């Protein structure tokens, strides 16, 4: 999967590779690494949970390199307001500027991200918890 980032040079490539490795190493058991439009995409496979709204695996984390910035989609934050609030507070404590949409953490360089907090966030949502949250939202 790192092949996707091999052609990305400079600070952007360094940041993408570091974030990918951090997410991969922190990923809880049960999520599966796939590709979404050529980007690394961790999901709950349909073999685990087939009853999705769009018949596609539930997305948990996606990492996309774009022209001017990179995006780390943290769906565990989008679906869990308490986790999102805790993430925002922890990020603020780092002194870094937070560029976060509903689930999209945008960054340009490695200095823009806190790899430890990303690892903690990714590791902090088991498949079971994510599915419980999904069930509450779906109602």
N, C-alpha and C. Protein backbone atom coordinates (compact mmCIF):
# COMPACT_ATOMS: atom_id res chain seq x y z
N UNK A 1 0.83 -1.21 0.00
CA UNK A 1 0.00 0.00 0.00
C UNK A 1 0.86 1.26 0.00
N UNK A 2 2.05 1.19 0.54
CA UNK A 2 2.91 2.36 0.53
C UNK A 2 3.31 2.78 -0.87
N UNK A 3 3.09 1.94 -1.85
CA UNK A 3 3.39 2.29 -3.24
C UNK A 3 2.66 3.58 -3.61
N UNK A 4 1.48 3.76 -3.09
CA UNK A 4 0.68 4.96 -3.38
C UNK A 4 1.46 6.23 -3.06
N UNK A 5 2.29 6.19 -2.04
CA UNK A 5 3.00 7.40 -1.59
C UNK A 5 4.44 7.49 -2.07
N UNK A 6 4.93 6.48 -2.78
CA UNK A 6 6.33 6.49 -3.21
C UNK A 6 6.67 7.66 -4.11
N UNK A 7 5.74 8.08 -4.95
CA UNK A 7 6.02 9.16 -5.89
C UNK A 7 5.83 10.54 -5.28
N UNK A 8 5.32 10.62 -4.07
CA UNK A 8 5.11 11.91 -3.43
C UNK A 8 6.42 12.32 -2.78
N UNK A 9 6.93 13.46 -3.20
CA UNK A 9 8.25 13.90 -2.75
C UNK A 9 8.16 14.94 -1.65
N UNK A 10 9.30 15.18 -1.05
CA UNK A 10 9.45 16.27 -0.09
C UNK A 10 8.67 16.07 1.20
N UNK A 11 8.31 17.19 1.80
CA UNK A 11 7.62 17.18 3.09
C UNK A 11 6.28 16.46 3.03
N UNK A 12 5.56 16.63 1.92
CA UNK A 12 4.26 15.96 1.78
C UNK A 12 4.42 14.45 1.81
N UNK A 13 5.38 13.93 1.07
CA UNK A 13 5.62 12.50 1.04
C UNK A 13 6.06 11.98 2.39
N UNK A 14 6.94 12.70 3.05
CA UNK A 14 7.39 12.31 4.39
C UNK A 14 6.19 12.23 5.35
N UNK A 15 5.33 13.22 5.30
CA UNK A 15 4.17 13.25 6.19
C UNK A 15 3.20 12.10 5.86
N UNK A 16 2.92 11.89 4.59
CA UNK A 16 2.00 10.81 4.20
C UNK A 16 2.52 9.45 4.65
N UNK A 17 3.79 9.20 4.43
CA UNK A 17 4.36 7.91 4.81
C UNK A 17 4.33 7.72 6.33
N UNK A 18 4.65 8.77 7.07
CA UNK A 18 4.64 8.68 8.54
C UNK A 18 3.22 8.48 9.07
N UNK A 19 2.25 9.18 8.52
CA UNK A 19 0.87 9.02 8.97
C UNK A 19 0.36 7.63 8.61
N UNK A 20 0.66 7.16 7.40
CA UNK A 20 0.25 5.82 7.01
C UNK A 20 0.79 4.77 7.98
N UNK A 21 2.08 4.84 8.26
CA UNK A 21 2.72 3.87 9.16
C UNK A 21 2.11 3.95 10.56
N UNK A 22 1.86 5.15 11.04
CA UNK A 22 1.26 5.34 12.36
C UNK A 22 -0.13 4.71 12.41
N UNK A 23 -0.95 4.99 11.40
CA UNK A 23 -2.31 4.44 11.37
C UNK A 23 -2.26 2.92 11.26
N UNK A 24 -1.46 2.42 10.37
CA UNK A 24 -1.35 0.97 10.17
C UNK A 24 -0.94 0.27 11.47
N UNK A 25 0.05 0.81 12.15
CA UNK A 25 0.56 0.18 13.36
C UNK A 25 -0.41 0.29 14.53
N UNK A 26 -1.28 1.29 14.54
CA UNK A 26 -2.21 1.50 15.64
C UNK A 26 -3.57 0.86 15.40
N UNK A 27 -3.82 0.38 14.20
CA UNK A 27 -5.14 -0.13 13.84
C UNK A 27 -5.54 -1.32 14.71
N UNK A 28 -6.71 -1.23 15.35
CA UNK A 28 -7.19 -2.35 16.17
C UNK A 28 -7.52 -3.56 15.28
N UNK A 29 -7.53 -4.74 15.89
CA UNK A 29 -7.90 -5.95 15.13
C UNK A 29 -9.33 -5.85 14.60
N UNK A 30 -9.53 -6.47 13.45
CA UNK A 30 -10.87 -6.54 12.87
C UNK A 30 -11.10 -5.59 11.71
N UNK A 31 -10.31 -4.53 11.63
CA UNK A 31 -10.40 -3.63 10.48
C UNK A 31 -9.53 -4.21 9.37
N UNK A 32 -9.90 -3.93 8.13
CA UNK A 32 -9.19 -4.48 6.98
C UNK A 32 -8.68 -3.32 6.12
N UNK A 33 -7.44 -3.42 5.69
CA UNK A 33 -6.85 -2.42 4.81
C UNK A 33 -7.24 -2.74 3.37
N UNK A 34 -7.90 -1.80 2.71
CA UNK A 34 -8.27 -1.92 1.31
C UNK A 34 -7.83 -0.64 0.61
N UNK A 35 -8.30 -0.46 -0.60
CA UNK A 35 -8.05 0.79 -1.34
C UNK A 35 -9.36 1.46 -1.67
N UNK A 36 -9.35 2.77 -1.61
CA UNK A 36 -10.48 3.57 -2.06
C UNK A 36 -9.92 4.61 -3.01
N UNK A 37 -10.23 4.47 -4.27
CA UNK A 37 -9.71 5.37 -5.31
C UNK A 37 -8.19 5.47 -5.23
N UNK A 38 -7.56 4.33 -4.97
CA UNK A 38 -6.11 4.27 -4.93
C UNK A 38 -5.49 4.67 -3.61
N UNK A 39 -6.30 5.02 -2.63
CA UNK A 39 -5.80 5.46 -1.33
C UNK A 39 -6.00 4.38 -0.28
N UNK A 40 -5.14 4.35 0.74
CA UNK A 40 -5.33 3.38 1.83
C UNK A 40 -6.63 3.68 2.57
N UNK A 41 -7.36 2.62 2.84
CA UNK A 41 -8.73 2.74 3.35
C UNK A 41 -8.97 1.57 4.29
N UNK A 42 -9.13 1.85 5.58
CA UNK A 42 -9.41 0.79 6.55
C UNK A 42 -10.90 0.73 6.78
N UNK A 43 -11.44 -0.49 6.72
CA UNK A 43 -12.88 -0.69 6.79
C UNK A 43 -13.22 -1.86 7.71
N UNK A 44 -14.50 -1.94 8.06
CA UNK A 44 -15.04 -3.15 8.66
C UNK A 44 -15.55 -3.97 7.48
N UNK A 45 -14.96 -5.12 7.24
CA UNK A 45 -15.33 -5.89 6.04
C UNK A 45 -16.78 -6.35 6.08
N UNK A 46 -17.34 -6.54 4.90
CA UNK A 46 -18.72 -7.01 4.79
C UNK A 46 -18.90 -8.39 5.42
N UNK A 47 -17.85 -9.16 5.49
CA UNK A 47 -17.95 -10.47 6.14
C UNK A 47 -18.20 -10.33 7.64
N UNK A 48 -17.81 -9.21 8.20
CA UNK A 48 -18.07 -8.93 9.62
C UNK A 48 -19.41 -8.23 9.80
N UNK A 49 -19.68 -7.25 8.94
CA UNK A 49 -20.92 -6.48 9.05
C UNK A 49 -21.45 -6.19 7.65
N UNK A 50 -22.37 -7.02 7.16
CA UNK A 50 -22.87 -6.87 5.79
C UNK A 50 -24.04 -5.89 5.65
N UNK A 51 -24.64 -5.46 6.74
CA UNK A 51 -25.88 -4.67 6.67
C UNK A 51 -25.62 -3.17 6.62
N UNK A 52 -24.86 -2.73 5.65
CA UNK A 52 -24.56 -1.30 5.53
C UNK A 52 -25.60 -0.62 4.64
N UNK A 53 -25.70 0.69 4.79
CA UNK A 53 -26.70 1.44 4.04
C UNK A 53 -26.44 1.43 2.54
N UNK A 54 -25.17 1.29 2.13
CA UNK A 54 -24.84 1.37 0.71
C UNK A 54 -24.22 0.09 0.15
N UNK A 55 -24.29 -0.99 0.95
CA UNK A 55 -23.76 -2.29 0.55
C UNK A 55 -22.23 -2.29 0.40
N UNK A 56 -21.57 -1.26 0.94
CA UNK A 56 -20.12 -1.17 0.93
C UNK A 56 -19.63 -1.36 2.36
N UNK A 57 -18.38 -1.79 2.55
CA UNK A 57 -17.85 -1.91 3.91
C UNK A 57 -17.87 -0.55 4.62
N UNK A 58 -18.05 -0.59 5.93
CA UNK A 58 -18.05 0.65 6.71
C UNK A 58 -16.63 1.20 6.79
N UNK A 59 -16.46 2.44 6.40
CA UNK A 59 -15.15 3.09 6.42
C UNK A 59 -14.82 3.55 7.83
N UNK A 60 -13.58 3.29 8.25
CA UNK A 60 -13.10 3.74 9.55
C UNK A 60 -12.05 4.83 9.39
N UNK A 61 -11.00 4.59 8.58
CA UNK A 61 -9.94 5.57 8.34
C UNK A 61 -9.54 5.51 6.87
N UNK A 62 -9.37 6.69 6.28
CA UNK A 62 -8.87 6.78 4.90
C UNK A 62 -7.81 7.87 4.87
N UNK A 63 -6.74 7.63 4.13
CA UNK A 63 -5.65 8.60 3.99
C UNK A 63 -5.51 8.95 2.52
N UNK A 64 -5.64 10.24 2.22
CA UNK A 64 -5.60 10.68 0.83
C UNK A 64 -4.59 11.82 0.68
N UNK A 65 -3.70 11.68 -0.28
CA UNK A 65 -2.78 12.76 -0.64
C UNK A 65 -3.38 13.57 -1.76
N UNK A 66 -3.56 14.86 -1.53
CA UNK A 66 -4.11 15.74 -2.55
C UNK A 66 -3.02 16.72 -3.00
N UNK A 67 -3.33 17.54 -3.95
CA UNK A 67 -2.30 18.41 -4.54
C UNK A 67 -1.68 19.37 -3.52
N UNK A 68 -2.51 20.04 -2.74
CA UNK A 68 -2.01 21.07 -1.84
C UNK A 68 -1.96 20.67 -0.37
N UNK A 69 -2.57 19.57 -0.03
CA UNK A 69 -2.57 19.09 1.35
C UNK A 69 -2.95 17.61 1.34
N UNK A 70 -2.86 17.01 2.50
CA UNK A 70 -3.27 15.61 2.66
C UNK A 70 -4.41 15.55 3.64
N UNK A 71 -5.20 14.49 3.56
CA UNK A 71 -6.37 14.35 4.41
C UNK A 71 -6.38 12.98 5.06
N UNK A 72 -6.64 12.98 6.36
CA UNK A 72 -6.84 11.75 7.11
C UNK A 72 -8.27 11.77 7.59
N UNK A 73 -9.08 10.88 7.03
CA UNK A 73 -10.49 10.80 7.39
C UNK A 73 -10.63 9.86 8.57
N UNK A 74 -11.08 10.40 9.70
CA UNK A 74 -11.23 9.65 10.94
C UNK A 74 -12.72 9.51 11.24
N UNK A 75 -13.33 8.50 10.65
CA UNK A 75 -14.78 8.34 10.79
C UNK A 75 -15.20 8.02 12.22
N UNK A 76 -14.28 7.51 13.03
CA UNK A 76 -14.58 7.27 14.43
C UNK A 76 -14.86 8.57 15.18
N UNK A 77 -14.27 9.67 14.73
CA UNK A 77 -14.56 10.98 15.34
C UNK A 77 -15.89 11.52 14.85
N UNK A 78 -16.15 11.35 13.56
CA UNK A 78 -17.38 11.85 12.96
C UNK A 78 -18.61 11.23 13.62
N UNK A 79 -18.50 9.97 13.96
CA UNK A 79 -19.66 9.26 14.48
C UNK A 79 -19.76 9.28 16.00
N UNK A 80 -18.79 9.86 16.69
CA UNK A 80 -18.77 9.84 18.15
C UNK A 80 -18.40 11.24 18.67
N UNK A 81 -19.40 12.08 18.98
CA UNK A 81 -19.12 13.45 19.42
C UNK A 81 -18.22 13.54 20.65
N UNK A 82 -18.31 12.60 21.56
CA UNK A 82 -17.43 12.62 22.74
C UNK A 82 -15.97 12.42 22.34
N UNK A 83 -15.73 11.48 21.43
CA UNK A 83 -14.36 11.24 20.96
C UNK A 83 -13.85 12.45 20.17
N UNK A 84 -14.74 13.06 19.38
CA UNK A 84 -14.33 14.25 18.63
C UNK A 84 -13.94 15.38 19.58
N UNK A 85 -14.73 15.61 20.59
CA UNK A 85 -14.45 16.67 21.56
C UNK A 85 -13.12 16.42 22.28
N UNK A 86 -12.90 15.18 22.69
CA UNK A 86 -11.65 14.83 23.36
C UNK A 86 -10.46 15.01 22.42
N UNK A 87 -10.65 14.64 21.15
CA UNK A 87 -9.58 14.80 20.15
C UNK A 87 -9.24 16.28 19.98
N UNK A 88 -10.27 17.12 19.85
CA UNK A 88 -10.03 18.56 19.69
C UNK A 88 -9.29 19.14 20.89
N UNK A 89 -9.68 18.75 22.08
CA UNK A 89 -9.02 19.24 23.28
C UNK A 89 -7.56 18.78 23.35
N UNK A 90 -7.33 17.51 23.05
CA UNK A 90 -5.96 16.99 23.07
C UNK A 90 -5.11 17.66 22.00
N UNK A 91 -5.69 17.90 20.83
CA UNK A 91 -4.93 18.56 19.76
C UNK A 91 -4.59 19.99 20.16
N UNK A 92 -5.54 20.69 20.74
CA UNK A 92 -5.31 22.06 21.18
C UNK A 92 -4.15 22.11 22.17
N UNK A 93 -4.05 21.12 23.04
CA UNK A 93 -2.98 21.06 24.03
C UNK A 93 -1.60 20.90 23.39
N UNK A 94 -1.54 20.44 22.14
CA UNK A 94 -0.25 20.29 21.47
C UNK A 94 0.29 21.62 20.96
N UNK A 95 -0.57 22.62 20.85
CA UNK A 95 -0.16 23.91 20.32
C UNK A 95 -0.19 23.98 18.80
N UNK A 96 -0.53 22.88 18.16
CA UNK A 96 -0.63 22.89 16.69
C UNK A 96 -1.98 23.42 16.26
N UNK A 97 -2.00 24.01 15.06
CA UNK A 97 -3.26 24.45 14.48
C UNK A 97 -4.04 23.22 14.03
N UNK A 98 -5.31 23.18 14.38
CA UNK A 98 -6.16 22.06 13.99
C UNK A 98 -6.98 22.45 12.76
N UNK A 99 -6.85 21.68 11.71
CA UNK A 99 -7.64 21.86 10.50
C UNK A 99 -8.47 20.59 10.33
N UNK A 100 -9.64 20.57 11.00
CA UNK A 100 -10.48 19.38 11.05
C UNK A 100 -11.89 19.73 10.64
N UNK A 101 -12.38 19.02 9.62
CA UNK A 101 -13.79 19.13 9.25
C UNK A 101 -14.58 18.14 10.08
N UNK A 102 -15.64 17.60 9.52
CA UNK A 102 -16.44 16.64 10.28
C UNK A 102 -15.66 15.37 10.60
N UNK A 103 -14.82 14.93 9.70
CA UNK A 103 -13.98 13.77 9.97
C UNK A 103 -12.60 13.92 9.33
N UNK A 104 -12.39 14.98 8.61
CA UNK A 104 -11.21 15.14 7.77
C UNK A 104 -10.16 16.01 8.45
N UNK A 105 -9.05 15.39 8.83
CA UNK A 105 -7.91 16.11 9.37
C UNK A 105 -6.98 16.45 8.21
N UNK A 106 -6.83 17.75 7.93
CA UNK A 106 -6.00 18.18 6.82
C UNK A 106 -4.63 18.61 7.33
N UNK A 107 -3.58 18.24 6.58
CA UNK A 107 -2.21 18.59 6.96
C UNK A 107 -1.35 18.70 5.72
N UNK A 108 -0.26 19.43 5.85
CA UNK A 108 0.68 19.62 4.74
C UNK A 108 2.03 18.94 5.02
N UNK A 109 2.52 19.06 6.25
CA UNK A 109 3.83 18.52 6.59
C UNK A 109 3.72 17.69 7.87
N UNK A 110 4.79 17.01 8.19
CA UNK A 110 4.84 16.21 9.40
C UNK A 110 4.72 17.08 10.65
N UNK A 111 5.20 18.31 10.58
CA UNK A 111 5.08 19.23 11.72
C UNK A 111 3.63 19.59 12.02
N UNK A 112 2.75 19.40 11.07
CA UNK A 112 1.33 19.74 11.25
C UNK A 112 0.55 18.68 12.02
N UNK A 113 1.13 17.51 12.24
CA UNK A 113 0.38 16.41 12.86
C UNK A 113 1.05 15.93 14.14
N UNK A 114 0.24 15.40 15.01
CA UNK A 114 0.72 14.76 16.23
C UNK A 114 0.50 13.26 16.03
N UNK A 115 1.57 12.56 15.68
CA UNK A 115 1.45 11.14 15.36
C UNK A 115 0.99 10.33 16.57
N UNK A 116 1.40 10.72 17.76
CA UNK A 116 0.97 10.02 18.97
C UNK A 116 -0.53 10.12 19.18
N UNK A 117 -1.07 11.30 18.97
CA UNK A 117 -2.51 11.49 19.13
C UNK A 117 -3.29 10.75 18.03
N UNK A 118 -2.74 10.76 16.83
CA UNK A 118 -3.38 10.01 15.75
C UNK A 118 -3.40 8.52 16.10
N UNK A 119 -2.28 8.00 16.57
CA UNK A 119 -2.22 6.58 16.95
C UNK A 119 -3.21 6.27 18.06
N UNK A 120 -3.26 7.13 19.06
CA UNK A 120 -4.18 6.93 20.18
C UNK A 120 -5.63 6.96 19.69
N UNK A 121 -5.95 7.87 18.80
CA UNK A 121 -7.31 8.00 18.27
C UNK A 121 -7.70 6.77 17.46
N UNK A 122 -6.82 6.35 16.58
CA UNK A 122 -7.11 5.18 15.75
C UNK A 122 -7.25 3.93 16.62
N UNK A 123 -6.34 3.75 17.55
CA UNK A 123 -6.36 2.56 18.41
C UNK A 123 -7.54 2.56 19.37
N UNK A 124 -8.13 3.73 19.60
CA UNK A 124 -9.16 3.87 20.62
C UNK A 124 -10.57 3.46 20.23
N UNK A 125 -10.76 2.98 19.02
CA UNK A 125 -12.11 2.57 18.60
C UNK A 125 -12.07 1.15 18.06
N UNK A 126 -12.53 0.23 18.87
CA UNK A 126 -12.60 -1.16 18.42
C UNK A 126 -13.71 -1.30 17.38
N UNK A 127 -13.68 -2.39 16.66
CA UNK A 127 -14.74 -2.67 15.70
C UNK A 127 -16.09 -2.71 16.42
N UNK A 128 -16.14 -3.33 17.58
CA UNK A 128 -17.39 -3.44 18.33
C UNK A 128 -17.93 -2.07 18.71
N UNK A 129 -17.05 -1.18 19.18
CA UNK A 129 -17.49 0.16 19.56
C UNK A 129 -17.99 0.93 18.32
N UNK A 130 -17.25 0.81 17.23
CA UNK A 130 -17.65 1.51 16.01
C UNK A 130 -19.03 1.03 15.54
N UNK A 131 -19.25 -0.27 15.60
CA UNK A 131 -20.55 -0.82 15.18
C UNK A 131 -21.67 -0.39 16.14
N UNK A 132 -21.39 -0.31 17.44
CA UNK A 132 -22.39 0.18 18.39
C UNK A 132 -22.75 1.63 18.08
N UNK A 133 -21.75 2.44 17.79
CA UNK A 133 -21.98 3.84 17.45
C UNK A 133 -22.77 3.95 16.15
N UNK A 134 -22.41 3.15 15.17
CA UNK A 134 -23.12 3.13 13.89
C UNK A 134 -24.58 2.78 14.09
N UNK A 135 -24.85 1.80 14.95
CA UNK A 135 -26.23 1.38 15.21
C UNK A 135 -27.04 2.52 15.86
N UNK A 136 -26.42 3.27 16.76
CA UNK A 136 -27.12 4.40 17.41
C UNK A 136 -27.43 5.50 16.40
N UNK A 137 -26.47 5.79 15.54
CA UNK A 137 -26.66 6.87 14.55
C UNK A 137 -27.70 6.48 13.51
N UNK A 138 -27.69 5.22 13.13
CA UNK A 138 -28.57 4.74 12.06
C UNK A 138 -30.06 4.85 12.45
N UNK A 139 -30.33 4.82 13.73
CA UNK A 139 -31.73 4.88 14.19
C UNK A 139 -32.36 6.16 13.88
